[in-house]
């Protein structure tokens, strides 16, 4: 019961704070765009992280930030929860350009503010057109000093689960010549997918070394990303996976 009350307070906190913050961002966007507007939005995400810790007892620890420099990269995180979509802009030193379905822009206040940022929103029903948009805008935004972030599984997976790793991020990396950064995240331990009931605990974020894309095939590059992430997930959250399971070539194997 306490977990429900704390989660409802957190949900109320997000709802109450997002409305004035989004309205302020929309007003600010009349005068400024780009990085100043982006960091203004990150201010609200920091409030969300604060609320998750204070109301629900959810904190996090990060390892591997030293692997990131100033060069353009494409971040490829494990996707288990809403948490990482809120957290990564707070963790990274560069503005992030998310690749996401355009339907999210219609979410009141949150989506309206996001529409004013340098993001890549796509129409999934137009696959060839969507890829052209990702390639063109991704190249342009990275040239401006931003980083692109794409969830290779596409949708959130349950704790201990593994989705199908799509090669879109690897295709963009090969097309632009920038490295890919694999990231493991144990967010479902505290904030499961499709749920607003949070459980107190610590979320681990592990950032891998950038993987060069020059001379690689997208499918082969994504298999390397998948293998690293899934092996790291089993190291960070062994209780979530069957005993004796290892990862070989991106596919779980019994040993």
Protein backbone atom coordinates (compact mmCIF):
# COMPACT_ATOMS: atom_id res chain seq x y z
CA UNK A 1 0.00 0.00 0.00
CA UNK A 2 2.87 2.38 0.84
CA UNK A 3 4.38 1.69 -2.57
CA UNK A 4 1.11 2.72 -4.24
CA UNK A 5 0.86 5.93 -2.22
CA UNK A 6 4.48 6.89 -2.92
CA UNK A 7 4.05 6.18 -6.64
CA UNK A 8 0.88 8.26 -6.79
CA UNK A 9 2.68 11.14 -5.12
CA UNK A 10 5.45 10.86 -7.70
CA UNK A 11 2.92 10.81 -10.56
CA UNK A 12 1.22 13.87 -9.06
CA UNK A 13 4.61 15.58 -8.77
CA UNK A 14 5.32 15.04 -12.47
CA UNK A 15 1.85 16.21 -13.49
CA UNK A 16 1.91 19.36 -11.37
CA UNK A 17 5.41 20.39 -12.46
CA UNK A 18 5.22 19.57 -16.18
CA UNK A 19 2.37 21.98 -16.95
CA UNK A 20 4.02 25.27 -15.88
CA UNK A 21 7.44 24.08 -17.03
CA UNK A 22 6.17 23.17 -20.52
CA UNK A 23 4.31 26.45 -20.84
CA UNK A 24 7.48 28.32 -19.87
CA UNK A 25 9.46 26.35 -22.48
CA UNK A 26 6.89 27.11 -25.18
CA UNK A 27 7.11 30.80 -24.34
CA UNK A 28 10.91 30.69 -24.24
CA UNK A 29 11.00 28.95 -27.63
CA UNK A 30 9.62 32.11 -29.23
CA UNK A 31 12.90 33.83 -28.39
CA UNK A 32 15.55 31.06 -28.25
CA UNK A 33 16.07 27.62 -29.73
CA UNK A 34 18.83 25.04 -29.75
CA UNK A 35 20.95 24.36 -26.68
CA UNK A 36 19.48 26.98 -24.30
CA UNK A 37 15.99 25.58 -24.87
CA UNK A 38 17.23 22.00 -24.53
CA UNK A 39 18.90 22.61 -21.17
CA UNK A 40 15.78 24.42 -19.99
CA UNK A 41 13.82 21.22 -20.65
CA UNK A 42 16.45 19.14 -18.87
CA UNK A 43 15.68 21.20 -15.78
CA UNK A 44 12.27 19.53 -15.58
CA UNK A 45 13.82 16.08 -16.07
CA UNK A 46 16.07 16.76 -13.09
CA UNK A 47 12.94 17.49 -11.07
CA UNK A 48 11.59 14.10 -12.14
CA UNK A 49 14.78 12.35 -11.03
CA UNK A 50 14.62 14.21 -7.72
CA UNK A 51 10.99 13.20 -7.27
CA UNK A 52 11.74 9.54 -8.00
CA UNK A 53 14.40 9.55 -5.29
CA UNK A 54 12.45 11.51 -2.66
CA UNK A 55 8.98 10.03 -3.15
CA UNK A 56 9.84 6.49 -4.27
CA UNK A 57 13.38 5.83 -3.03
CA UNK A 58 14.73 5.26 -6.54
CA UNK A 59 18.36 6.30 -7.02
CA UNK A 60 21.00 5.38 -9.58
CA UNK A 61 24.72 4.84 -10.06
CA UNK A 62 26.65 5.23 -13.29
CA UNK A 63 29.88 3.65 -14.48
CA UNK A 64 31.75 4.28 -17.72
CA UNK A 65 31.15 8.01 -18.19
CA UNK A 66 34.88 8.34 -18.74
CA UNK A 67 34.42 6.50 -22.06
CA UNK A 68 32.61 9.53 -23.50
CA UNK A 69 34.54 12.49 -24.83
CA UNK A 70 33.49 15.38 -27.05
CA UNK A 71 33.25 13.49 -30.32
CA UNK A 72 29.88 12.73 -31.87
CA UNK A 73 28.44 9.34 -30.89
CA UNK A 74 25.23 7.36 -31.22
CA UNK A 75 24.02 6.07 -27.86
CA UNK A 76 22.39 2.62 -27.92
CA UNK A 77 20.86 1.85 -24.51
CA UNK A 78 18.93 -1.12 -23.21
CA UNK A 79 15.27 -0.13 -22.99
CA UNK A 80 13.31 -1.43 -19.99
CA UNK A 81 11.47 1.58 -18.63
CA UNK A 82 10.37 5.20 -18.93
CA UNK A 83 13.18 5.98 -16.48
CA UNK A 84 16.03 5.99 -19.00
CA UNK A 85 14.21 8.35 -21.37
CA UNK A 86 14.09 10.88 -18.52
CA UNK A 87 17.50 10.12 -17.06
CA UNK A 88 19.92 10.19 -19.98
CA UNK A 89 19.62 13.93 -20.75
CA UNK A 90 20.49 14.54 -17.08
CA UNK A 91 23.56 12.28 -17.29
CA UNK A 92 25.10 13.32 -20.60
CA UNK A 93 27.26 16.38 -21.23
CA UNK A 94 25.92 16.96 -24.76
CA UNK A 95 22.36 17.58 -25.94
CA UNK A 96 20.67 14.36 -27.02
CA UNK A 97 18.56 13.94 -30.14
CA UNK A 98 16.05 11.17 -29.56
CA UNK A 99 14.64 9.20 -32.47
CA UNK A 100 11.00 8.50 -31.63
CA UNK A 101 7.55 8.00 -33.14
CA UNK A 102 5.82 11.28 -33.90
CA UNK A 103 2.69 10.30 -31.91
CA UNK A 104 4.54 11.33 -28.75
CA UNK A 105 4.34 14.95 -29.86
CA UNK A 106 0.59 14.91 -29.21
CA UNK A 107 0.97 14.27 -25.47
CA UNK A 108 -0.33 17.45 -23.80
CA UNK A 109 2.38 19.81 -22.51
CA UNK A 110 5.22 17.22 -22.50
CA UNK A 111 4.92 16.48 -26.22
CA UNK A 112 4.29 20.10 -27.13
CA UNK A 113 7.52 21.20 -25.46
CA UNK A 114 9.45 18.29 -27.01
CA UNK A 115 8.26 19.39 -30.47
CA UNK A 116 10.26 22.61 -30.04
CA UNK A 117 13.55 20.75 -29.57
CA UNK A 118 16.03 19.33 -32.09
CA UNK A 119 14.68 15.78 -32.09
CA UNK A 120 14.05 13.24 -34.85
CA UNK A 121 10.41 12.25 -34.87
CA UNK A 122 9.39 9.74 -37.53
CA UNK A 123 6.29 8.25 -39.10
CA UNK A 124 6.74 4.51 -38.67
CA UNK A 125 4.17 3.79 -41.39
CA UNK A 126 6.56 5.32 -43.96
CA UNK A 127 9.67 3.26 -43.42
CA UNK A 128 11.83 4.44 -46.33
CA UNK A 129 10.93 8.08 -45.71
CA UNK A 130 11.58 7.61 -41.99
CA UNK A 131 15.09 6.28 -42.61
CA UNK A 132 15.93 9.17 -44.94
CA UNK A 133 14.82 11.60 -42.24
CA UNK A 134 16.90 9.85 -39.57
CA UNK A 135 20.00 9.86 -41.78
CA UNK A 136 19.65 13.49 -42.90
CA UNK A 137 18.72 14.99 -39.53
CA UNK A 138 21.06 12.74 -37.56
CA UNK A 139 24.02 13.86 -39.65
CA UNK A 140 23.02 17.53 -39.30
CA UNK A 141 22.43 17.46 -35.55
CA UNK A 142 25.66 15.60 -34.83
CA UNK A 143 27.56 18.17 -36.89
CA UNK A 144 26.14 20.77 -34.48
CA UNK A 145 27.64 18.96 -31.48
CA UNK A 146 24.62 16.91 -30.43
CA UNK A 147 24.53 13.17 -29.79
CA UNK A 148 21.89 10.88 -31.24
CA UNK A 149 20.22 8.32 -28.99
CA UNK A 150 18.33 5.31 -30.36
CA UNK A 151 16.90 2.35 -28.45
CA UNK A 152 17.83 -0.61 -30.69
CA UNK A 153 15.08 -2.84 -29.25
CA UNK A 154 12.55 -0.20 -30.25
CA UNK A 155 10.21 -0.81 -27.35
CA UNK A 156 10.55 -1.49 -23.65
CA UNK A 157 11.31 -5.05 -22.58
CA UNK A 158 10.48 -6.69 -19.24
CA UNK A 159 13.15 -7.30 -16.64
CA UNK A 160 15.18 -10.31 -17.72
CA UNK A 161 13.80 -10.04 -21.26
CA UNK A 162 15.51 -9.40 -24.55
CA UNK A 163 13.90 -7.74 -27.55
CA UNK A 164 14.90 -7.89 -31.19
CA UNK A 165 17.83 -5.56 -31.81
CA UNK A 166 17.14 -3.58 -34.98
CA UNK A 167 20.03 -2.24 -37.05
CA UNK A 168 18.83 1.37 -37.49
CA UNK A 169 21.37 2.88 -35.10
CA UNK A 170 24.17 0.86 -36.68
CA UNK A 171 23.05 1.94 -40.16
CA UNK A 172 23.21 5.57 -39.08
CA UNK A 173 26.63 5.04 -37.50
CA UNK A 174 28.04 3.45 -40.67
CA UNK A 175 26.47 6.15 -42.86
CA UNK A 176 27.94 8.98 -40.77
CA UNK A 177 31.17 7.33 -39.63
CA UNK A 178 30.56 7.94 -35.91
CA UNK A 179 31.02 5.30 -33.19
CA UNK A 180 28.23 3.52 -31.34
CA UNK A 181 28.11 3.45 -27.52
CA UNK A 182 26.35 0.44 -25.95
CA UNK A 183 24.66 1.10 -22.60
CA UNK A 184 23.17 -1.38 -20.11
CA UNK A 185 20.41 -0.13 -17.79
CA UNK A 186 18.64 -2.08 -15.01
CA UNK A 187 15.72 0.34 -14.75
CA UNK A 188 13.00 -2.35 -14.68
CA UNK A 189 14.27 -3.31 -11.23
CA UNK A 190 12.61 -0.15 -9.91
CA UNK A 191 10.27 1.11 -12.64
CA UNK A 192 8.77 -1.73 -14.74
CA UNK A 193 7.48 -1.06 -18.21
CA UNK A 194 3.83 -0.07 -18.60
CA UNK A 195 3.60 0.74 -14.90
CA UNK A 196 3.76 3.75 -12.62
CA UNK A 197 4.31 1.66 -9.50
CA UNK A 198 7.93 2.27 -8.53
CA UNK A 199 9.95 0.06 -6.18
CA UNK A 200 12.72 1.55 -3.99
CA UNK A 201 16.19 0.57 -5.10
CA UNK A 202 19.24 1.48 -7.17
CA UNK A 203 19.29 1.53 -10.97
CA UNK A 204 22.64 0.68 -12.52
CA UNK A 205 23.79 2.36 -15.73
CA UNK A 206 26.89 0.93 -17.41
CA UNK A 207 28.34 2.79 -20.41
CA UNK A 208 30.54 0.77 -22.73
CA UNK A 209 33.47 1.94 -24.79
CA UNK A 210 32.59 3.51 -28.16
CA UNK A 211 32.61 0.92 -30.95
CA UNK A 212 34.03 2.28 -34.24
CA UNK A 213 31.74 1.99 -37.25
CA UNK A 214 34.24 2.54 -40.08
CA UNK A 215 34.37 -0.39 -42.47
CA UNK A 216 31.63 -2.30 -40.64
CA UNK A 217 28.38 -3.82 -41.84
CA UNK A 218 25.36 -2.52 -39.87
CA UNK A 219 24.06 -5.97 -38.92
CA UNK A 220 27.47 -7.13 -37.72
CA UNK A 221 27.98 -3.91 -35.76
CA UNK A 222 24.59 -4.24 -34.07
CA UNK A 223 25.33 -7.85 -33.10
CA UNK A 224 28.43 -6.60 -31.27
CA UNK A 225 26.34 -3.92 -29.53
CA UNK A 226 23.72 -6.51 -28.58
CA UNK A 227 26.28 -8.98 -27.26
CA UNK A 228 27.91 -6.34 -25.03
CA UNK A 229 24.62 -5.01 -23.64
CA UNK A 230 23.10 -8.41 -22.91
CA UNK A 231 26.27 -9.74 -21.28
CA UNK A 232 26.51 -6.60 -19.16
CA UNK A 233 22.84 -6.86 -18.18
CA UNK A 234 23.48 -10.34 -16.82
CA UNK A 235 26.44 -9.04 -14.84
CA UNK A 236 24.52 -6.09 -13.38
CA UNK A 237 21.25 -7.90 -12.66
CA UNK A 238 22.01 -11.64 -12.41
CA UNK A 239 18.84 -12.33 -10.40
CA UNK A 240 16.74 -11.41 -13.43
CA UNK A 241 18.22 -14.09 -15.71
CA UNK A 242 18.23 -17.90 -15.57
CA UNK A 243 21.20 -19.38 -13.73
CA UNK A 244 23.96 -20.52 -16.05
CA UNK A 245 22.83 -18.37 -18.98
CA UNK A 246 25.53 -16.62 -20.97
CA UNK A 247 25.47 -14.56 -24.16
CA UNK A 248 27.17 -15.64 -27.36
CA UNK A 249 26.89 -13.49 -30.46
CA UNK A 250 23.98 -11.61 -28.97
CA UNK A 251 21.88 -14.71 -28.30
CA UNK A 252 21.41 -16.16 -24.79
CA UNK A 253 22.99 -19.60 -24.45
CA UNK A 254 22.84 -22.20 -21.68
CA UNK A 255 26.25 -23.14 -20.27
